[in-house]
PDB file of all heavy atoms in Angstrom:
ATOM      1  N   ILE A   1     179.717 -75.869 -74.134  1.00  0.00           N
ATOM      2  CA  ILE A   1     178.330 -76.159 -74.432  1.00  0.00           C
ATOM      3  C   ILE A   1     177.473 -75.101 -73.814  1.00  0.00           C
ATOM      4  O   ILE A   1     176.542 -74.577 -74.473  1.00  0.00           O
ATOM      5  CB  ILE A   1     177.981 -77.600 -74.041  1.00  0.00           C
ATOM      6  CG1 ILE A   1     178.801 -78.600 -74.830  1.00  0.00           C
ATOM      7  CG2 ILE A   1     176.506 -77.777 -74.260  1.00  0.00           C
ATOM      8  CD1 ILE A   1     178.598 -80.005 -74.419  1.00  0.00           C
ATOM      9  N   ALA A   2     177.648 -74.846 -72.544  1.00  0.00           N
ATOM     10  CA  ALA A   2     176.755 -73.901 -71.857  1.00  0.00           C
ATOM     11  C   ALA A   2     176.769 -72.489 -72.447  1.00  0.00           C
ATOM     12  O   ALA A   2     175.798 -71.770 -72.311  1.00  0.00           O
ATOM     13  CB  ALA A   2     177.120 -73.893 -70.354  1.00  0.00           C
ATOM     14  N   LYS A   3     177.907 -72.135 -73.027  1.00  0.00           N
ATOM     15  CA  LYS A   3     178.057 -70.809 -73.574  1.00  0.00           C
ATOM     16  C   LYS A   3     177.800 -70.780 -75.103  1.00  0.00           C
ATOM     17  O   LYS A   3     177.914 -69.740 -75.724  1.00  0.00           O
ATOM     18  CB  LYS A   3     179.476 -70.259 -73.327  1.00  0.00           C
ATOM     19  CG  LYS A   3     179.727 -70.047 -71.818  1.00  0.00           C
ATOM     20  CD  LYS A   3     181.162 -69.427 -71.646  1.00  0.00           C
ATOM     21  CE  LYS A   3     181.461 -69.117 -70.173  1.00  0.00           C
ATOM     22  NZ  LYS A   3     182.777 -68.564 -70.045  1.00  0.00           N
ATOM     23  N   ASN A   4     177.505 -71.921 -75.682  1.00  0.00           N
ATOM     24  CA  ASN A   4     177.249 -72.022 -77.140  1.00  0.00           C
ATOM     25  C   ASN A   4     178.389 -71.436 -77.917  1.00  0.00           C
ATOM     26  O   ASN A   4     178.274 -70.612 -78.830  1.00  0.00           O
ATOM     27  CB  ASN A   4     175.979 -71.269 -77.495  1.00  0.00           C
ATOM     28  CG  ASN A   4     175.178 -71.948 -78.621  1.00  0.00           C
ATOM     29  OD1 ASN A   4     175.171 -73.150 -78.789  1.00  0.00           O
ATOM     30  ND2 ASN A   4     174.464 -71.129 -79.391  1.00  0.00           N
ATOM     31  N   THR A   5     179.609 -71.829 -77.517  1.00  0.00           N
ATOM     32  CA  THR A   5     180.896 -71.239 -77.989  1.00  0.00           C
ATOM     33  C   THR A   5     181.854 -72.325 -78.390  1.00  0.00           C
ATOM     34  O   THR A   5     181.893 -73.395 -77.786  1.00  0.00           O
ATOM     35  CB  THR A   5     181.442 -70.363 -76.842  1.00  0.00           C
ATOM     36  OG1 THR A   5     180.613 -69.245 -76.589  1.00  0.00           O
ATOM     37  CG2 THR A   5     182.852 -69.810 -77.249  1.00  0.00           C
ATOM     38  N   VAL A   6     182.621 -71.989 -79.409  1.00  0.00           N
ATOM     39  CA  VAL A   6     183.779 -72.810 -79.823  1.00  0.00           C
ATOM     40  C   VAL A   6     184.957 -71.995 -79.746  1.00  0.00           C
ATOM     41  O   VAL A   6     184.988 -70.844 -80.074  1.00  0.00           O
ATOM     42  CB  VAL A   6     183.492 -73.466 -81.191  1.00  0.00           C
ATOM     43  CG1 VAL A   6     183.481 -72.416 -82.245  1.00  0.00           C
ATOM     44  CG2 VAL A   6     184.530 -74.499 -81.532  1.00  0.00           C
ATOM     45  N   ASN A   7     186.057 -72.658 -79.288  1.00  0.00           N
ATOM     46  CA  ASN A   7     187.357 -71.922 -79.114  1.00  0.00           C
ATOM     47  C   ASN A   7     188.450 -72.593 -79.985  1.00  0.00           C
ATOM     48  O   ASN A   7     188.333 -73.728 -80.362  1.00  0.00           O
ATOM     49  CB  ASN A   7     187.743 -71.993 -77.678  1.00  0.00           C
ATOM     50  CG  ASN A   7     186.743 -71.425 -76.744  1.00  0.00           C
ATOM     51  OD1 ASN A   7     186.330 -70.277 -76.928  1.00  0.00           O
ATOM     52  ND2 ASN A   7     186.361 -72.128 -75.655  1.00  0.00           N
ATOM     53  N   LEU A   8     189.485 -71.808 -80.213  1.00  0.00           N
ATOM     54  CA  LEU A   8     190.663 -72.328 -80.893  1.00  0.00           C
ATOM     55  C   LEU A   8     191.920 -71.807 -80.127  1.00  0.00           C
ATOM     56  O   LEU A   8     192.224 -70.635 -80.143  1.00  0.00           O
ATOM     57  CB  LEU A   8     190.740 -71.828 -82.325  1.00  0.00           C
ATOM     58  CG  LEU A   8     191.861 -72.421 -83.152  1.00  0.00           C
ATOM     59  CD1 LEU A   8     191.611 -73.904 -83.422  1.00  0.00           C
ATOM     60  CD2 LEU A   8     192.005 -71.706 -84.503  1.00  0.00           C
ATOM     61  N   GLN A   9     192.487 -72.736 -79.431  1.00  0.00           N
ATOM     62  CA  GLN A   9     193.742 -72.436 -78.651  1.00  0.00           C
ATOM     63  C   GLN A   9     194.897 -72.583 -79.654  1.00  0.00           C
ATOM     64  O   GLN A   9     195.070 -73.669 -80.208  1.00  0.00           O
ATOM     65  CB  GLN A   9     193.934 -73.357 -77.475  1.00  0.00           C
ATOM     66  CG  GLN A   9     195.213 -73.083 -76.702  1.00  0.00           C
ATOM     67  CD  GLN A   9     195.268 -71.733 -76.018  1.00  0.00           C
ATOM     68  OE1 GLN A   9     194.254 -71.295 -75.495  1.00  0.00           O
ATOM     69  NE2 GLN A   9     196.415 -71.121 -76.096  1.00  0.00           N
ATOM     70  N   MET A  10     195.686 -71.589 -79.896  1.00  0.00           N
ATOM     71  CA  MET A  10     196.801 -71.680 -80.838  1.00  0.00           C
ATOM     72  C   MET A  10     198.093 -71.439 -80.090  1.00  0.00           C
ATOM     73  O   MET A  10     198.369 -70.344 -79.470  1.00  0.00           O
ATOM     74  CB  MET A  10     196.600 -70.572 -81.882  1.00  0.00           C
ATOM     75  CG  MET A  10     195.266 -70.605 -82.631  1.00  0.00           C
ATOM     76  SD  MET A  10     195.137 -69.410 -83.955  1.00  0.00           S
ATOM     77  CE  MET A  10     195.215 -67.894 -83.053  1.00  0.00           C
ATOM     78  N   ASN A  11     198.905 -72.489 -80.102  1.00  0.00           N
ATOM     79  CA  ASN A  11     200.193 -72.444 -79.412  1.00  0.00           C
ATOM     80  C   ASN A  11     201.363 -72.500 -80.417  1.00  0.00           C
ATOM     81  O   ASN A  11     201.122 -72.917 -81.646  1.00  0.00           O
ATOM     82  CB  ASN A  11     200.362 -73.581 -78.416  1.00  0.00           C
ATOM     83  CG  ASN A  11     199.368 -73.498 -77.317  1.00  0.00           C
ATOM     84  OD1 ASN A  11     198.902 -72.421 -76.922  1.00  0.00           O
ATOM     85  ND2 ASN A  11     198.935 -74.665 -76.806  1.00  0.00           N
ATOM     86  N   SER A  12     202.579 -72.174 -79.996  1.00  0.00           N
ATOM     87  CA  SER A  12     203.689 -72.224 -80.887  1.00  0.00           C
ATOM     88  C   SER A  12     203.443 -71.592 -82.273  1.00  0.00           C
ATOM     89  O   SER A  12     203.744 -72.172 -83.316  1.00  0.00           O
ATOM     90  CB  SER A  12     204.129 -73.705 -81.125  1.00  0.00           C
ATOM     91  OG  SER A  12     204.421 -74.367 -79.887  1.00  0.00           O
ATOM     92  N   LEU A  13     202.946 -70.380 -82.182  1.00  0.00           N
ATOM     93  CA  LEU A  13     202.534 -69.718 -83.451  1.00  0.00           C
ATOM     94  C   LEU A  13     203.752 -69.342 -84.288  1.00  0.00           C
ATOM     95  O   LEU A  13     204.861 -69.042 -83.807  1.00  0.00           O
ATOM     96  CB  LEU A  13     201.694 -68.418 -83.075  1.00  0.00           C
ATOM     97  CG  LEU A  13     200.244 -68.752 -82.652  1.00  0.00           C
ATOM     98  CD1 LEU A  13     199.708 -67.552 -81.909  1.00  0.00           C
ATOM     99  CD2 LEU A  13     199.455 -69.039 -83.872  1.00  0.00           C
ATOM    100  N   LYS A  14     203.499 -69.378 -85.587  1.00  0.00           N
ATOM    101  CA  LYS A  14     204.545 -69.126 -86.589  1.00  0.00           C
ATOM    102  C   LYS A  14     204.081 -67.943 -87.484  1.00  0.00           C
ATOM    103  O   LYS A  14     202.921 -67.695 -87.586  1.00  0.00           O
ATOM    104  CB  LYS A  14     204.745 -70.314 -87.428  1.00  0.00           C
ATOM    105  CG  LYS A  14     205.072 -71.594 -86.651  1.00  0.00           C
ATOM    106  CD  LYS A  14     205.125 -72.782 -87.662  1.00  0.00           C
ATOM    107  CE  LYS A  14     205.466 -74.090 -86.937  1.00  0.00           C
ATOM    108  NZ  LYS A  14     205.566 -75.258 -87.881  1.00  0.00           N
ATOM    109  N   PRO A  15     205.006 -67.245 -88.014  1.00  0.00           N
ATOM    110  CA  PRO A  15     204.631 -66.146 -88.948  1.00  0.00           C
ATOM    111  C   PRO A  15     203.671 -66.592 -90.031  1.00  0.00           C
ATOM    112  O   PRO A  15     202.724 -65.800 -90.448  1.00  0.00           O
ATOM    113  CB  PRO A  15     205.985 -65.676 -89.530  1.00  0.00           C
ATOM    114  CG  PRO A  15     206.949 -65.947 -88.431  1.00  0.00           C
ATOM    115  CD  PRO A  15     206.449 -67.287 -87.885  1.00  0.00           C
ATOM    116  N   GLU A  16     203.810 -67.859 -90.521  1.00  0.00           N
ATOM    117  CA  GLU A  16     202.910 -68.286 -91.593  1.00  0.00           C
ATOM    118  C   GLU A  16     201.477 -68.582 -91.041  1.00  0.00           C
ATOM    119  O   GLU A  16     200.600 -68.842 -91.849  1.00  0.00           O
ATOM    120  CB  GLU A  16     203.474 -69.588 -92.199  1.00  0.00           C
ATOM    121  CG  GLU A  16     203.909 -70.625 -91.252  1.00  0.00           C
ATOM    122  CD  GLU A  16     205.380 -70.640 -90.942  1.00  0.00           C
ATOM    123  OE1 GLU A  16     205.954 -69.494 -90.702  1.00  0.00           O
ATOM    124  OE2 GLU A  16     206.005 -71.682 -90.881  1.00  0.00           O
ATOM    125  N   ASP A  17     201.247 -68.460 -89.779  1.00  0.00           N
ATOM    126  CA  ASP A  17     199.874 -68.552 -89.208  1.00  0.00           C
ATOM    127  C   ASP A  17     199.119 -67.188 -89.381  1.00  0.00           C
ATOM    128  O   ASP A  17     197.911 -67.130 -89.041  1.00  0.00           O
ATOM    129  CB  ASP A  17     199.867 -68.957 -87.780  1.00  0.00           C
ATOM    130  CG  ASP A  17     200.399 -70.376 -87.565  1.00  0.00           C
ATOM    131  OD1 ASP A  17     200.104 -71.246 -88.356  1.00  0.00           O
ATOM    132  OD2 ASP A  17     201.196 -70.596 -86.617  1.00  0.00           O
ATOM    133  N   THR A  18     199.801 -66.202 -89.771  1.00  0.00           N
ATOM    134  CA  THR A  18     199.164 -64.890 -89.911  1.00  0.00           C
ATOM    135  C   THR A  18     198.054 -64.956 -90.962  1.00  0.00           C
ATOM    136  O   THR A  18     198.305 -65.359 -92.081  1.00  0.00           O
ATOM    137  CB  THR A  18     200.270 -63.832 -90.333  1.00  0.00           C
ATOM    138  OG1 THR A  18     201.187 -63.634 -89.280  1.00  0.00           O
ATOM    139  CG2 THR A  18     199.581 -62.461 -90.610  1.00  0.00           C
ATOM    140  N   ALA A  19     196.881 -64.534 -90.531  1.00  0.00           N
ATOM    141  CA  ALA A  19     195.710 -64.584 -91.409  1.00  0.00           C
ATOM    142  C   ALA A  19     194.520 -63.983 -90.654  1.00  0.00           C
ATOM    143  O   ALA A  19     194.564 -63.731 -89.454  1.00  0.00           O
ATOM    144  CB  ALA A  19     195.449 -65.976 -91.835  1.00  0.00           C
ATOM    145  N   VAL A  20     193.430 -63.826 -91.404  1.00  0.00           N
ATOM    146  CA  VAL A  20     192.158 -63.548 -90.804  1.00  0.00           C
ATOM    147  C   VAL A  20     191.520 -64.909 -90.522  1.00  0.00           C
ATOM    148  O   VAL A  20     191.433 -65.688 -91.434  1.00  0.00           O
ATOM    149  CB  VAL A  20     191.231 -62.704 -91.661  1.00  0.00           C
ATOM    150  CG1 VAL A  20     189.876 -62.497 -91.002  1.00  0.00           C
ATOM    151  CG2 VAL A  20     191.921 -61.340 -91.969  1.00  0.00           C
ATOM    152  N   TYR A  21     191.116 -65.084 -89.297  1.00  0.00           N
ATOM    153  CA  TYR A  21     190.536 -66.409 -88.891  1.00  0.00           C
ATOM    154  C   TYR A  21     189.037 -66.222 -88.809  1.00  0.00           C
ATOM    155  O   TYR A  21     188.512 -65.309 -88.187  1.00  0.00           O
ATOM    156  CB  TYR A  21     191.099 -66.822 -87.542  1.00  0.00           C
ATOM    157  CG  TYR A  21     192.513 -67.397 -87.659  1.00  0.00           C
ATOM    158  CD1 TYR A  21     193.591 -66.523 -87.962  1.00  0.00           C
ATOM    159  CD2 TYR A  21     192.733 -68.745 -87.506  1.00  0.00           C
ATOM    160  CE1 TYR A  21     194.862 -67.098 -88.132  1.00  0.00           C
ATOM    161  CE2 TYR A  21     194.036 -69.297 -87.649  1.00  0.00           C
ATOM    162  CZ  TYR A  21     195.045 -68.443 -87.983  1.00  0.00           C
ATOM    163  OH  TYR A  21     196.319 -68.952 -88.121  1.00  0.00           O
ATOM    164  N   TYR A  22     188.314 -67.186 -89.400  1.00  0.00           N
ATOM    165  CA  TYR A  22     186.838 -67.219 -89.430  1.00  0.00           C
ATOM    166  C   TYR A  22     186.304 -68.444 -88.776  1.00  0.00           C
ATOM    167  O   TYR A  22     186.908 -69.555 -88.995  1.00  0.00           O
ATOM    168  CB  TYR A  22     186.388 -67.153 -90.892  1.00  0.00           C
ATOM    169  CG  TYR A  22     186.780 -65.989 -91.679  1.00  0.00           C
ATOM    170  CD1 TYR A  22     187.952 -65.985 -92.435  1.00  0.00           C
ATOM    171  CD2 TYR A  22     185.934 -64.841 -91.733  1.00  0.00           C
ATOM    172  CE1 TYR A  22     188.333 -64.871 -93.175  1.00  0.00           C
ATOM    173  CE2 TYR A  22     186.293 -63.763 -92.503  1.00  0.00           C
ATOM    174  CZ  TYR A  22     187.541 -63.799 -93.199  1.00  0.00           C
ATOM    175  OH  TYR A  22     187.827 -62.712 -93.939  1.00  0.00           O
ATOM    176  N   CYS A  23     185.271 -68.334 -88.016  1.00  0.00           N
ATOM    177  CA  CYS A  23     184.537 -69.581 -87.636  1.00  0.00           C
ATOM    178  C   CYS A  23     183.338 -69.732 -88.528  1.00  0.00           C
ATOM    179  O   CYS A  23     182.819 -68.785 -89.101  1.00  0.00           O
ATOM    180  CB  CYS A  23     184.181 -69.499 -86.120  1.00  0.00           C
ATOM    181  SG  CYS A  23     182.850 -68.367 -85.742  1.00  0.00           S
ATOM    182  N   ALA A  24     182.939 -70.999 -88.662  1.00  0.00           N
ATOM    183  CA  ALA A  24     181.825 -71.375 -89.511  1.00  0.00           C
ATOM    184  C   ALA A  24     181.031 -72.479 -88.951  1.00  0.00           C
ATOM    185  O   ALA A  24     181.564 -73.287 -88.192  1.00  0.00           O
ATOM    186  CB  ALA A  24     182.458 -71.740 -90.910  1.00  0.00           C
ATOM    187  N   ALA A  25     179.794 -72.537 -89.356  1.00  0.00           N
ATOM    188  CA  ALA A  25     178.847 -73.539 -88.812  1.00  0.00           C
ATOM    189  C   ALA A  25     178.154 -74.296 -89.990  1.00  0.00           C
ATOM    190  O   ALA A  25     177.756 -73.597 -90.971  1.00  0.00           O
ATOM    191  CB  ALA A  25     177.839 -72.934 -87.894  1.00  0.00           C
ATOM    192  N   ASP A  26     177.989 -75.558 -89.798  1.00  0.00           N
ATOM    193  CA  ASP A  26     177.313 -76.403 -90.758  1.00  0.00           C
ATOM    194  C   ASP A  26     176.319 -77.286 -89.994  1.00  0.00           C
ATOM    195  O   ASP A  26     176.797 -77.964 -89.082  1.00  0.00           O
ATOM    196  CB  ASP A  26     178.294 -77.238 -91.577  1.00  0.00           C
ATOM    197  CG  ASP A  26     177.660 -78.386 -92.304  1.00  0.00           C
ATOM    198  OD1 ASP A  26     176.449 -78.193 -92.761  1.00  0.00           O
ATOM    199  OD2 ASP A  26     178.226 -79.434 -92.479  1.00  0.00           O
ATOM    200  N   PHE A  27     175.043 -77.266 -90.353  1.00  0.00           N
ATOM    201  CA  PHE A  27     174.104 -78.097 -89.618  1.00  0.00           C
ATOM    202  C   PHE A  27     173.611 -79.202 -90.488  1.00  0.00           C
ATOM    203  O   PHE A  27     172.813 -80.071 -90.021  1.00  0.00           O
ATOM    204  CB  PHE A  27     172.870 -77.186 -89.256  1.00  0.00           C
ATOM    205  CG  PHE A  27     173.190 -76.183 -88.159  1.00  0.00           C
ATOM    206  CD1 PHE A  27     173.675 -74.969 -88.518  1.00  0.00           C
ATOM    207  CD2 PHE A  27     173.089 -76.501 -86.813  1.00  0.00           C
ATOM    208  CE1 PHE A  27     174.022 -73.989 -87.569  1.00  0.00           C
ATOM    209  CE2 PHE A  27     173.384 -75.588 -85.809  1.00  0.00           C
ATOM    210  CZ  PHE A  27     173.885 -74.344 -86.208  1.00  0.00           C
ATOM    211  N   SER A  28     174.077 -79.329 -91.706  1.00  0.00           N
ATOM    212  CA  SER A  28     173.573 -80.379 -92.637  1.00  0.00           C
ATOM    213  C   SER A  28     174.037 -81.783 -92.274  1.00  0.00           C
ATOM    214  O   SER A  28     173.413 -82.743 -92.718  1.00  0.00           O
ATOM    215  CB  SER A  28     173.945 -79.989 -94.085  1.00  0.00           C
ATOM    216  OG  SER A  28     175.328 -80.143 -94.286  1.00  0.00           O
ATOM    217  N   ARG A  29     175.136 -81.833 -91.553  1.00  0.00           N
ATOM    218  CA  ARG A  29     175.648 -83.137 -91.182  1.00  0.00           C
ATOM    219  C   ARG A  29     175.275 -83.546 -89.775  1.00  0.00           C
ATOM    220  O   ARG A  29     175.807 -84.553 -89.275  1.00  0.00           O
ATOM    221  CB  ARG A  29     177.204 -83.094 -91.325  1.00  0.00           C
ATOM    222  CG  ARG A  29     177.657 -83.011 -92.781  1.00  0.00           C
ATOM    223  CD  ARG A  29     179.146 -82.814 -92.902  1.00  0.00           C
ATOM    224  NE  ARG A  29     179.575 -83.012 -94.294  1.00  0.00           N
ATOM    225  CZ  ARG A  29     179.417 -82.075 -95.221  1.00  0.00           C
ATOM    226  NH1 ARG A  29     178.785 -80.964 -94.951  1.00  0.00           N
ATOM    227  NH2 ARG A  29     179.814 -82.299 -96.417  1.00  0.00           N
ATOM    228  N   TYR A  30     174.388 -82.774 -89.187  1.00  0.00           N
ATOM    229  CA  TYR A  30     173.832 -83.139 -87.874  1.00  0.00           C
ATOM    230  C   TYR A  30     174.936 -83.285 -86.792  1.00  0.00           C
ATOM    231  O   TYR A  30     174.731 -84.027 -85.794  1.00  0.00           O
ATOM    232  CB  TYR A  30     172.944 -84.409 -87.936  1.00  0.00           C
ATOM    233  CG  TYR A  30     171.861 -84.281 -88.932  1.00  0.00           C
ATOM    234  CD1 TYR A  30     171.985 -84.839 -90.199  1.00  0.00           C
ATOM    235  CD2 TYR A  30     170.757 -83.497 -88.663  1.00  0.00           C
ATOM    236  CE1 TYR A  30     171.010 -84.653 -91.132  1.00  0.00           C
ATOM    237  CE2 TYR A  30     169.732 -83.317 -89.590  1.00  0.00           C
ATOM    238  CZ  TYR A  30     169.889 -83.912 -90.809  1.00  0.00           C
ATOM    239  OH  TYR A  30     168.904 -83.717 -91.809  1.00  0.00           O
ATOM    240  N   GLY A  31     176.045 -82.667 -87.014  1.00  0.00           N
ATOM    241  CA  GLY A  31     177.156 -82.714 -86.029  1.00  0.00           C
ATOM    242  C   GLY A  31     177.812 -84.079 -85.912  1.00  0.00           C
ATOM    243  O   GLY A  31     178.484 -84.342 -84.939  1.00  0.00           O
ATOM    244  N   ILE A  32     177.653 -84.889 -86.984  1.00  0.00           N
ATOM    245  CA  ILE A  32     178.230 -86.272 -86.932  1.00  0.00           C
ATOM    246  C   ILE A  32     179.530 -86.333 -87.701  1.00  0.00           C
ATOM    247  O   ILE A  32     180.488 -86.974 -87.237  1.00  0.00           O
ATOM    248  CB  ILE A  32     177.206 -87.247 -87.468  1.00  0.00           C
ATOM    249  CG1 ILE A  32     175.935 -87.245 -86.596  1.00  0.00           C
ATOM    250  CG2 ILE A  32     177.803 -88.692 -87.533  1.00  0.00           C
ATOM    251  CD1 ILE A  32     174.813 -88.109 -87.160  1.00  0.00           C
TER     252      ILE A  32
END
């Protein structure tokens, strides 16, 4: 919260996880 950051910890990675990863934000649902 203090850093205004979201993380994604990925463990046990597989070849099929290969991709470009994007983060996205939506404010229309008020975070609910």
